[in-house]
């Protein structure tokens, strides 16, 4: 346990890795806890690709969350890197919050995580998500099944979407945090720059408004992010990268309609984040097979 700072004798703080299979609600839960959207979401699996940090401030504690990509049986270069990010985040945390989807059990991904948990001694709390979509009797059955699979500190059924039992979950995490001073100032929400979050918001809209393989073949980079204080305006120039010419046509859409919709919806969310008007200009470029190119992966921040 860390030494207690004299200025914070009764304070707790620590890093909590949010782990689980793809699409179980990790990012939705983090956004719910913070009361702000910093981690993108969609109904498609593997939306989150990077480790996203979020800071929750409580009267007697500071919980620093690491929202990790979904852990799954990865095969291509990009997905292997994504899973590595998730596993390394678990290794550097003080507490692990494991989230499982009550409505769609994923035995293969869950087994990967449970096997990883057995190799470490940190406290692990299990949140069984999406209680709003399942019968109470099935929740009790799931609790019993998970209790036999691993010795969790506690198991709490929640609804990240509606906030049910999220406060109880926070209390449980606070209880197992080590004592120590806060890591971040009281007004800090994340360590991610607005430029990065803006790129993620654009990528989220690609996930939401395109189908089939398109979302997984796209990356977003922000080339310009400048603030004109005099005009109360943020100017953003961003590029949506795809792997093939045919994908470029789909993202742009007929007469540019799809790209326009992506841009309009992303702009609204970015404006809410920065608190001012945003001028967003989007371009689409083809970078052949970037998801299997280690140089391109580094360029795009993976």
Protein backbone atom coordinates (compact mmCIF):
# COMPACT_ATOMS: atom_id res chain seq x y z
CA UNK A 1 0.00 0.00 0.00
CA UNK A 2 1.18 3.51 -0.76
CA UNK A 3 2.27 5.82 2.03
CA UNK A 4 -0.50 8.16 3.10
CA UNK A 5 0.16 11.81 2.25
CA UNK A 6 -0.02 13.96 5.40
CA UNK A 7 -2.32 16.40 3.63
CA UNK A 8 -4.83 13.63 2.76
CA UNK A 9 -4.89 11.27 5.78
CA UNK A 10 -8.37 9.87 5.07
CA UNK A 11 -8.35 10.11 1.28
CA UNK A 12 -8.26 7.24 -1.21
CA UNK A 13 -7.15 7.25 -4.82
CA UNK A 14 -6.17 4.77 -7.47
CA UNK A 15 -6.40 3.48 -11.02
CA UNK A 16 -9.29 1.23 -12.00
CA UNK A 17 -9.08 -0.73 -15.26
CA UNK A 18 -12.49 -1.32 -16.86
CA UNK A 19 -12.16 -4.69 -18.60
CA UNK A 20 -14.45 -7.06 -20.46
CA UNK A 21 -15.46 -8.44 -23.83
CA UNK A 22 -16.36 -6.09 -26.71
CA UNK A 23 -19.65 -4.19 -26.52
CA UNK A 24 -20.53 -5.00 -22.89
CA UNK A 25 -21.02 -1.32 -21.99
CA UNK A 26 -17.62 -0.26 -20.65
CA UNK A 27 -17.61 3.15 -22.35
CA UNK A 28 -21.30 3.73 -21.56
CA UNK A 29 -20.58 3.10 -17.87
CA UNK A 30 -17.58 5.45 -17.83
CA UNK A 31 -19.58 8.25 -19.47
CA UNK A 32 -22.39 7.65 -16.94
CA UNK A 33 -20.00 7.86 -13.98
CA UNK A 34 -18.33 11.04 -15.25
CA UNK A 35 -21.54 12.73 -16.35
CA UNK A 36 -19.76 13.70 -19.57
CA UNK A 37 -19.02 11.90 -22.82
CA UNK A 38 -15.31 11.23 -23.23
CA UNK A 39 -15.43 7.66 -24.52
CA UNK A 40 -17.25 6.87 -27.76
CA UNK A 41 -19.94 4.21 -28.02
CA UNK A 42 -21.87 2.31 -30.68
CA UNK A 43 -23.81 -0.92 -31.01
CA UNK A 44 -20.95 -2.39 -33.04
CA UNK A 45 -18.26 -4.35 -31.21
CA UNK A 46 -14.67 -3.11 -30.89
CA UNK A 47 -15.58 0.58 -31.05
CA UNK A 48 -12.98 1.51 -28.42
CA UNK A 49 -9.41 1.10 -29.71
CA UNK A 50 -7.32 3.12 -27.25
CA UNK A 51 -7.01 3.32 -23.49
CA UNK A 52 -9.26 6.21 -22.40
CA UNK A 53 -8.66 7.79 -18.98
CA UNK A 54 -11.50 9.33 -16.99
CA UNK A 55 -11.38 10.89 -13.51
CA UNK A 56 -14.28 10.65 -11.03
CA UNK A 57 -14.11 12.96 -8.01
CA UNK A 58 -15.82 11.94 -4.76
CA UNK A 59 -15.68 13.61 -1.30
CA UNK A 60 -13.23 11.03 0.11
CA UNK A 61 -11.69 9.58 -3.03
CA UNK A 62 -10.54 10.03 -6.59
CA UNK A 63 -11.21 7.15 -8.96
CA UNK A 64 -9.07 7.18 -12.10
CA UNK A 65 -10.68 4.91 -14.68
CA UNK A 66 -8.95 3.30 -17.64
CA UNK A 67 -11.58 2.41 -20.24
CA UNK A 68 -9.97 -0.40 -22.22
CA UNK A 69 -10.78 -1.97 -25.60
CA UNK A 70 -12.83 -5.17 -25.61
CA UNK A 71 -10.80 -8.32 -25.03
CA UNK A 72 -11.39 -10.97 -27.69
CA UNK A 73 -9.64 -13.60 -29.79
CA UNK A 74 -7.73 -11.17 -32.00
CA UNK A 75 -6.26 -12.20 -35.34
CA UNK A 76 -5.17 -9.21 -37.44
CA UNK A 77 -2.44 -6.74 -36.52
CA UNK A 78 -4.75 -3.94 -35.43
CA UNK A 79 -6.88 -6.14 -33.16
CA UNK A 80 -3.82 -7.77 -31.62
CA UNK A 81 -2.56 -4.32 -30.65
CA UNK A 82 -5.99 -3.36 -29.32
CA UNK A 83 -6.09 -6.41 -27.02
CA UNK A 84 -2.51 -5.70 -25.87
CA UNK A 85 -3.65 -2.22 -24.79
CA UNK A 86 -6.46 -3.72 -22.70
CA UNK A 87 -4.29 -6.34 -21.02
CA UNK A 88 -1.48 -3.89 -20.23
CA UNK A 89 -3.97 -1.46 -18.68
CA UNK A 90 -5.18 -4.22 -16.37
CA UNK A 91 -1.59 -4.87 -15.33
CA UNK A 92 -0.99 -1.26 -14.30
CA UNK A 93 -4.20 -0.74 -12.29
CA UNK A 94 -4.87 -0.85 -8.54
CA UNK A 95 -8.34 -2.35 -9.02
CA UNK A 96 -9.96 -4.19 -11.92
CA UNK A 97 -13.62 -3.60 -12.77
CA UNK A 98 -14.74 -6.50 -14.94
CA UNK A 99 -17.97 -5.92 -16.87
CA UNK A 100 -20.07 -8.70 -18.35
CA UNK A 101 -23.18 -8.40 -20.55
CA UNK A 102 -26.11 -10.25 -18.98
CA UNK A 103 -27.95 -10.43 -22.30
CA UNK A 104 -25.13 -11.80 -24.47
CA UNK A 105 -22.65 -14.00 -22.61
CA UNK A 106 -19.35 -14.35 -24.49
CA UNK A 107 -17.66 -17.46 -23.01
CA UNK A 108 -14.52 -17.25 -25.18
CA UNK A 109 -13.70 -13.62 -24.34
CA UNK A 110 -14.76 -14.07 -20.73
CA UNK A 111 -12.43 -17.05 -20.37
CA UNK A 112 -9.50 -14.96 -21.67
CA UNK A 113 -10.15 -12.34 -19.00
CA UNK A 114 -10.74 -14.82 -16.17
CA UNK A 115 -7.49 -16.63 -16.99
CA UNK A 116 -5.70 -13.26 -16.91
CA UNK A 117 -7.30 -12.43 -13.56
CA UNK A 118 -6.08 -15.69 -12.03
CA UNK A 119 -2.48 -14.59 -12.66
CA UNK A 120 -2.74 -11.47 -10.48
CA UNK A 121 -3.71 -10.56 -6.91
CA UNK A 122 -5.44 -7.19 -7.31
CA UNK A 123 -9.04 -6.80 -6.13
CA UNK A 124 -11.55 -7.49 -8.90
CA UNK A 125 -15.15 -6.28 -8.86
CA UNK A 126 -17.69 -7.70 -11.29
CA UNK A 127 -20.45 -5.54 -12.75
CA UNK A 128 -23.18 -7.50 -14.55
CA UNK A 129 -24.53 -4.95 -17.01
CA UNK A 130 -27.87 -4.46 -18.81
CA UNK A 131 -30.19 -5.48 -15.97
CA UNK A 132 -32.88 -3.42 -17.71
CA UNK A 133 -33.01 -5.97 -20.52
CA UNK A 134 -33.26 -9.25 -18.60
CA UNK A 135 -35.54 -11.03 -16.11
CA UNK A 136 -34.56 -10.89 -12.42
CA UNK A 137 -34.40 -14.69 -12.16
CA UNK A 138 -31.77 -14.79 -14.91
CA UNK A 139 -29.73 -12.14 -13.08
CA UNK A 140 -29.59 -14.39 -9.99
CA UNK A 141 -28.52 -17.33 -12.16
CA UNK A 142 -25.71 -15.24 -13.70
CA UNK A 143 -24.49 -14.10 -10.28
CA UNK A 144 -24.28 -17.73 -9.15
CA UNK A 145 -22.39 -18.76 -12.32
CA UNK A 146 -19.85 -15.96 -12.03
CA UNK A 147 -19.33 -16.50 -8.30
CA UNK A 148 -18.19 -20.04 -9.12
CA UNK A 149 -15.87 -18.86 -11.90
CA UNK A 150 -13.74 -16.43 -9.87
CA UNK A 151 -13.39 -15.04 -6.34
CA UNK A 152 -14.59 -11.48 -7.02
CA UNK A 153 -14.55 -8.89 -4.23
CA UNK A 154 -18.22 -8.35 -4.97
CA UNK A 155 -20.70 -8.84 -7.80
CA UNK A 156 -23.12 -5.99 -8.57
CA UNK A 157 -25.83 -6.08 -11.25
CA UNK A 158 -26.15 -2.66 -12.95
CA UNK A 159 -27.66 -0.80 -15.86
CA UNK A 160 -25.01 1.57 -17.23
CA UNK A 161 -27.57 3.02 -19.63
CA UNK A 162 -30.03 4.02 -16.91
CA UNK A 163 -27.64 4.38 -13.95
CA UNK A 164 -29.21 1.61 -11.85
CA UNK A 165 -26.89 0.61 -8.96
CA UNK A 166 -23.98 2.62 -10.39
CA UNK A 167 -23.66 4.51 -7.09
CA UNK A 168 -23.43 1.19 -5.24
CA UNK A 169 -20.73 0.12 -7.68
CA UNK A 170 -18.76 3.32 -6.97
CA UNK A 171 -19.01 2.65 -3.23
CA UNK A 172 -17.65 -0.86 -3.74
CA UNK A 173 -14.70 0.38 -5.80
CA UNK A 174 -13.91 3.15 -3.32
CA UNK A 175 -13.84 0.59 -0.50
CA UNK A 176 -10.93 -1.34 -2.07
CA UNK A 177 -8.88 1.65 -3.27
CA UNK A 178 -5.53 2.27 -1.54
CA UNK A 179 -5.10 5.36 0.62
CA UNK A 180 -3.28 8.28 -0.96
CA UNK A 181 -3.60 11.81 -2.38
CA UNK A 182 -5.48 12.65 -5.61
CA UNK A 183 -3.59 12.26 -8.87
CA UNK A 184 -5.46 15.00 -10.76
CA UNK A 185 -6.84 18.48 -9.98
CA UNK A 186 -10.49 18.72 -8.92
CA UNK A 187 -11.64 19.99 -12.32
CA UNK A 188 -9.85 17.30 -14.37
CA UNK A 189 -12.07 14.91 -16.30
CA UNK A 190 -9.51 13.18 -18.52
CA UNK A 191 -5.91 13.39 -19.65
CA UNK A 192 -6.92 13.01 -23.30
CA UNK A 193 -6.50 16.20 -25.38
CA UNK A 194 -9.59 17.68 -27.07
CA UNK A 195 -7.95 16.97 -30.43
CA UNK A 196 -7.96 13.23 -29.68
CA UNK A 197 -11.54 13.22 -28.38
CA UNK A 198 -12.69 15.13 -31.47
CA UNK A 199 -11.14 12.46 -33.71
CA UNK A 200 -12.88 9.77 -31.67
CA UNK A 201 -16.24 11.52 -32.00
CA UNK A 202 -15.84 11.61 -35.76
CA UNK A 203 -14.91 7.92 -35.79
CA UNK A 204 -17.97 7.14 -33.67
CA UNK A 205 -20.23 8.67 -36.32
CA UNK A 206 -18.55 6.53 -38.99
CA UNK A 207 -19.40 3.50 -36.82
CA UNK A 208 -23.00 4.63 -36.43
CA UNK A 209 -23.76 5.64 -40.02
CA UNK A 210 -21.93 3.00 -42.06
CA UNK A 211 -22.35 -0.76 -42.16
CA UNK A 212 -20.55 -4.02 -42.83
CA UNK A 213 -16.76 -3.76 -42.75
CA UNK A 214 -16.53 0.03 -43.19
CA UNK A 215 -16.21 1.04 -39.50
CA UNK A 216 -13.37 -1.42 -38.92
CA UNK A 217 -11.49 -0.20 -41.99
CA UNK A 218 -11.47 3.44 -40.89
CA UNK A 219 -9.17 5.59 -38.79
CA UNK A 220 -9.43 9.33 -38.14
CA UNK A 221 -6.66 11.89 -37.81
CA UNK A 222 -7.04 15.58 -37.00
CA UNK A 223 -4.67 17.68 -39.10
CA UNK A 224 -5.81 21.09 -37.83
CA UNK A 225 -7.35 21.99 -34.45
CA UNK A 226 -7.17 25.74 -33.90
CA UNK A 227 -9.18 28.17 -31.78
CA UNK A 228 -10.13 31.64 -32.96
CA UNK A 229 -10.84 33.36 -29.62
CA UNK A 230 -11.99 36.58 -31.30
CA UNK A 231 -14.69 34.74 -33.25
CA UNK A 232 -15.42 32.16 -30.49
CA UNK A 233 -14.79 29.47 -33.08
CA UNK A 234 -12.80 26.22 -33.20
CA UNK A 235 -11.63 25.17 -36.66
CA UNK A 236 -11.01 21.47 -37.27
CA UNK A 237 -9.71 19.74 -40.38
CA UNK A 238 -9.87 15.96 -40.10
CA UNK A 239 -9.23 13.01 -42.37
CA UNK A 240 -11.13 9.72 -42.41
CA UNK A 241 -8.72 7.04 -43.63
CA UNK A 242 -10.05 3.92 -45.36
CA UNK A 243 -8.34 0.93 -46.94
CA UNK A 244 -9.95 0.75 -50.38
CA UNK A 245 -11.40 3.05 -53.04
CA UNK A 246 -14.78 1.33 -52.76
CA UNK A 247 -14.88 2.15 -49.03
CA UNK A 248 -14.12 5.80 -49.78
CA UNK A 249 -17.19 5.98 -52.00
CA UNK A 250 -19.40 4.47 -49.29
CA UNK A 251 -18.17 6.91 -46.61
CA UNK A 252 -18.72 9.89 -48.92
CA UNK A 253 -22.12 8.66 -50.09
CA UNK A 254 -24.24 9.88 -52.99
CA UNK A 255 -23.42 13.54 -53.69
CA UNK A 256 -21.49 13.60 -50.39
CA UNK A 257 -24.62 12.90 -48.31
CA UNK A 258 -23.06 10.31 -45.97
CA UNK A 259 -19.96 12.40 -45.23
CA UNK A 260 -22.17 15.43 -44.62
CA UNK A 261 -24.25 13.51 -42.07
CA UNK A 262 -21.13 12.20 -40.30
CA UNK A 263 -19.74 15.74 -40.17
CA UNK A 264 -22.94 17.36 -38.90
CA UNK A 265 -23.45 14.88 -36.07
CA UNK A 266 -19.78 14.92 -35.06
CA UNK A 267 -19.74 18.71 -35.06
CA UNK A 268 -22.68 18.87 -32.64
CA UNK A 269 -20.92 16.61 -30.14
CA UNK A 270 -17.60 18.42 -30.47
CA UNK A 271 -19.38 21.73 -29.86
CA UNK A 272 -20.84 20.34 -26.64
CA UNK A 273 -17.34 19.29 -25.56
CA UNK A 274 -15.51 22.55 -26.35
CA UNK A 275 -18.40 24.85 -25.42
CA UNK A 276 -18.20 26.97 -28.55
CA UNK A 277 -19.03 26.92 -32.27
CA UNK A 278 -17.05 24.50 -34.41
CA UNK A 279 -16.20 24.63 -38.12
CA UNK A 280 -15.49 21.02 -39.12
CA UNK A 281 -14.08 20.06 -42.51
CA UNK A 282 -13.82 16.35 -43.33
CA UNK A 283 -11.84 14.59 -46.04
CA UNK A 284 -11.63 10.89 -46.97
CA UNK A 285 -8.34 9.31 -48.04
CA UNK A 286 -7.36 5.80 -49.06
CA UNK A 287 -4.41 4.22 -47.25
CA UNK A 288 -4.14 0.69 -48.60
CA UNK A 289 -4.46 -2.03 -45.92
CA UNK A 290 -3.49 0.35 -43.09
CA UNK A 291 -4.86 -2.00 -40.38
CA UNK A 292 -2.16 -4.55 -41.28
CA UNK A 293 0.65 -1.99 -41.70
CA UNK A 294 2.66 -1.45 -38.50
CA UNK A 295 3.95 1.92 -39.74
CA UNK A 296 0.43 3.15 -40.46
CA UNK A 297 -0.79 1.85 -37.09
CA UNK A 298 1.84 3.95 -35.34
CA UNK A 299 0.90 6.97 -37.43
CA UNK A 300 -2.73 6.60 -36.41
CA UNK A 301 -1.85 6.18 -32.74
CA UNK A 302 -2.37 2.44 -32.31
